[in-house]
Amino acid sequence: MSRLLRLRHGRTPLSLGYERKAGHVLLETDGRRIEADVSRDGSWFDVRSGGKSFRCAVAPGRRGVWISCEGRSYLLEHDRPEAAARAERSSDELRAPMTGRVVHVAAPAGSIVREGDLLMTIEAMKMEFRLVAPEDGRVAEVRCGDGERVELGDLLVVLEPAGETPGAPSAGPAGRA
């Protein structure tokens, strides 16, 4: 492998061997080898692997890189032990994975959410994207409303990790993705 990335998803460490050659990507993790053809279409990445095709958006955030794919969002952070202690108690910034229109804000500021709960739905080119909570926490701030236009990378939601602010109201069962 030409490059080794040490990442984390939540508290789970990921060691990822990575090699890219002219639109072809080879990944190795946990003894598994994954090959894919990847092409860029504006802010989207089209990925073809194992007979399946899907689109993903990637946006940098304060704590790492957000990857939005097939209705799920993932925060991948560089696995740096010195940064992990600071990140444990810091806020997450969820950014727009694409340019579009906010269809519905499901979790208003103050809501307690669990990993996978629906935060908002965005629509672009007749496709809907469901932005979900990457971890348990409290919605500290929502920076957009129903019907508003957002641009790729715009800050939409600030999520405080669980345990920082007890007693705030829950988003309830309707917030579950």
Protein backbone atom coordinates (compact mmCIF):
# COMPACT_ATOMS: atom_id res chain seq x y z
CA MET A 1 0.00 0.00 0.00
CA SER A 2 1.27 3.44 -0.86
CA ARG A 3 -0.28 5.18 2.16
CA LEU A 4 -1.49 4.17 5.62
CA LEU A 5 -4.24 6.20 7.24
CA ARG A 6 -5.05 5.90 10.93
CA LEU A 7 -8.63 7.05 11.40
CA ARG A 8 -11.43 6.76 13.94
CA HIS A 9 -15.19 6.46 13.51
CA GLY A 10 -16.57 7.33 16.94
CA ARG A 11 -14.34 5.42 19.33
CA THR A 12 -13.52 2.69 16.80
CA PRO A 13 -9.98 2.91 15.36
CA LEU A 14 -9.57 2.17 11.64
CA SER A 15 -6.24 1.38 10.07
CA LEU A 16 -6.61 1.78 6.33
CA GLY A 17 -4.10 1.03 3.59
CA TYR A 18 -4.84 3.22 0.59
CA GLU A 19 -3.66 3.33 -2.99
CA ARG A 20 -5.10 5.36 -5.88
CA LYS A 21 -4.26 5.16 -9.57
CA ALA A 22 -6.21 7.10 -12.20
CA GLY A 23 -9.72 6.68 -10.81
CA HIS A 24 -9.13 3.22 -9.34
CA VAL A 25 -8.87 2.91 -5.55
CA LEU A 26 -7.60 -0.01 -3.52
CA LEU A 27 -8.28 -0.14 0.25
CA GLU A 28 -7.09 -2.67 2.81
CA THR A 29 -8.51 -2.86 6.33
CA ASP A 30 -8.74 -5.71 8.84
CA GLY A 31 -7.40 -8.16 6.27
CA ARG A 32 -10.08 -7.19 3.73
CA ARG A 33 -9.22 -5.81 0.32
CA ILE A 34 -11.71 -3.50 -1.40
CA GLU A 35 -11.33 -2.25 -4.96
CA ALA A 36 -13.46 0.48 -6.50
CA ASP A 37 -13.61 2.79 -9.47
CA VAL A 38 -14.22 6.36 -8.33
CA SER A 39 -15.08 9.40 -10.42
CA ARG A 40 -15.94 12.93 -9.35
CA ASP A 41 -19.05 14.76 -10.51
CA GLY A 42 -18.98 18.25 -8.98
CA SER A 43 -19.32 17.78 -5.22
CA TRP A 44 -20.32 14.12 -5.62
CA PHE A 45 -18.19 11.01 -5.95
CA ASP A 46 -19.56 8.08 -7.97
CA VAL A 47 -18.26 4.79 -6.59
CA ARG A 48 -18.50 1.41 -8.37
CA SER A 49 -17.41 -1.71 -6.51
CA GLY A 50 -18.47 -5.35 -6.56
CA GLY A 51 -21.23 -4.75 -9.11
CA LYS A 52 -22.81 -1.95 -7.01
CA SER A 53 -22.84 1.78 -7.69
CA PHE A 54 -23.55 4.62 -5.28
CA ARG A 55 -22.93 8.35 -4.82
CA CYS A 56 -21.12 9.94 -1.92
CA ALA A 57 -20.37 13.50 -0.86
CA VAL A 58 -17.31 14.51 1.14
CA ALA A 59 -16.98 17.69 3.20
CA PRO A 60 -14.21 18.75 5.58
CA GLY A 61 -15.23 19.56 9.15
CA ARG A 62 -13.48 20.91 12.21
CA ARG A 63 -12.86 17.43 13.66
CA GLY A 64 -12.29 15.47 10.47
CA VAL A 65 -13.84 14.56 7.16
CA TRP A 66 -17.59 13.98 6.76
CA ILE A 67 -18.58 11.30 4.28
CA SER A 68 -22.25 11.14 3.31
CA CYS A 69 -23.26 8.03 1.43
CA GLU A 70 -26.56 6.21 0.87
CA GLY A 71 -28.43 8.29 3.45
CA ARG A 72 -25.84 7.95 6.22
CA SER A 73 -23.17 10.35 7.42
CA TYR A 74 -19.83 9.35 8.86
CA LEU A 75 -17.20 11.46 10.58
CA LEU A 76 -13.71 10.10 10.01
CA GLU A 77 -11.04 11.66 12.19
CA HIS A 78 -7.29 11.24 12.01
CA ASP A 79 -6.42 8.96 14.92
CA ARG A 80 -4.10 11.16 16.95
CA PRO A 81 -4.07 10.26 20.67
CA GLU A 82 -3.33 13.84 21.71
CA ALA A 83 -6.37 15.10 19.79
CA ALA A 84 -8.69 12.34 21.04
CA ALA A 85 -8.82 13.72 24.58
CA ARG A 86 -9.78 17.20 23.32
CA ALA A 87 -12.30 15.83 20.82
CA GLU A 88 -14.09 13.77 23.48
CA ARG A 89 -15.79 16.87 24.89
CA SER A 90 -15.94 19.14 21.82
CA SER A 91 -18.90 19.94 19.59
CA ASP A 92 -19.46 18.39 16.19
CA GLU A 93 -20.21 20.62 13.24
CA LEU A 94 -22.46 18.92 10.68
CA ARG A 95 -22.14 20.49 7.26
CA ALA A 96 -24.21 20.29 4.10
CA PRO A 97 -23.17 17.24 2.07
CA MET A 98 -24.55 18.91 -1.08
CA THR A 99 -26.15 22.07 -2.39
CA GLY A 100 -29.91 21.87 -2.08
CA ARG A 101 -33.04 22.87 -0.16
CA VAL A 102 -33.88 21.89 3.42
CA VAL A 103 -37.10 19.89 3.23
CA HIS A 104 -37.55 19.36 6.97
CA VAL A 105 -35.64 19.99 10.21
CA ALA A 106 -36.51 16.98 12.39
CA ALA A 107 -34.42 17.81 15.48
CA PRO A 108 -34.64 21.43 16.68
CA ALA A 109 -32.04 23.06 18.94
CA GLY A 110 -32.12 21.53 22.42
CA SER A 111 -33.16 18.06 21.22
CA ILE A 112 -31.41 15.03 22.63
CA VAL A 113 -30.54 12.65 19.79
CA ARG A 114 -29.05 9.19 19.50
CA GLU A 115 -26.66 7.97 16.83
CA GLY A 116 -28.68 7.47 13.62
CA ASP A 117 -31.55 9.83 14.58
CA LEU A 118 -32.77 12.02 11.73
CA LEU A 119 -31.61 15.63 12.07
CA MET A 120 -32.88 17.01 8.75
CA THR A 121 -33.73 16.14 5.17
CA ILE A 122 -32.19 17.98 2.23
CA GLU A 123 -33.33 17.73 -1.39
CA ALA A 124 -31.30 18.31 -4.55
CA MET A 125 -32.13 17.35 -8.11
CA LYS A 126 -35.17 15.36 -6.92
CA MET A 127 -33.00 13.27 -4.58
CA GLU A 128 -33.46 13.44 -0.82
CA PHE A 129 -30.56 13.14 1.61
CA ARG A 130 -31.22 12.31 5.26
CA LEU A 131 -28.66 13.94 7.57
CA VAL A 132 -28.45 11.79 10.70
CA ALA A 133 -26.66 12.15 14.05
CA PRO A 134 -23.20 10.56 13.88
CA GLU A 135 -23.24 10.00 17.67
CA ASP A 136 -25.42 10.46 20.75
CA GLY A 137 -25.69 14.07 21.88
CA ARG A 138 -27.68 17.28 22.11
CA VAL A 139 -28.49 19.58 19.20
CA ALA A 140 -26.85 22.81 20.39
CA GLU A 141 -27.67 24.86 17.30
CA VAL A 142 -29.54 24.58 13.99
CA ARG A 143 -28.41 27.11 11.40
CA CYS A 144 -31.14 26.63 8.77
CA GLY A 145 -34.88 26.10 8.52
CA ASP A 146 -37.45 24.33 6.39
CA GLY A 147 -37.39 25.57 2.80
CA GLU A 148 -33.99 27.30 3.03
CA ARG A 149 -31.31 26.80 0.37
CA VAL A 150 -27.94 25.49 1.59
CA GLU A 151 -24.61 25.23 -0.20
CA LEU A 152 -22.13 22.35 -0.02
CA GLY A 153 -20.12 22.69 3.20
CA ASP A 154 -22.50 25.15 4.93
CA LEU A 155 -22.69 24.65 8.71
CA LEU A 156 -26.15 23.21 9.40
CA VAL A 157 -26.12 21.72 12.90
CA VAL A 158 -23.85 21.91 15.93
CA LEU A 159 -24.09 18.70 17.97
CA GLU A 160 -22.66 18.44 21.49
CA PRO A 161 -21.54 14.94 22.46
CA ALA A 162 -23.71 13.07 25.00
CA GLY A 163 -23.14 13.94 28.63
CA GLU A 164 -22.45 17.65 28.17
CA THR A 165 -25.93 19.05 28.82
CA PRO A 166 -28.36 16.84 30.76
CA GLY A 167 -32.10 17.39 30.86
CA ALA A 168 -32.73 18.86 27.40
CA PRO A 169 -35.87 17.70 25.55
CA SER A 170 -35.67 14.65 23.28
CA ALA A 171 -36.30 14.65 19.54
CA GLY A 172 -38.66 11.72 20.21
CA PRO A 173 -39.42 8.68 18.08
CA ALA A 174 -40.11 10.77 14.94
CA GLY A 175 -36.43 11.75 14.93
CA ARG A 176 -35.23 8.16 14.39
CA ALA A 177 -33.84 7.44 10.90
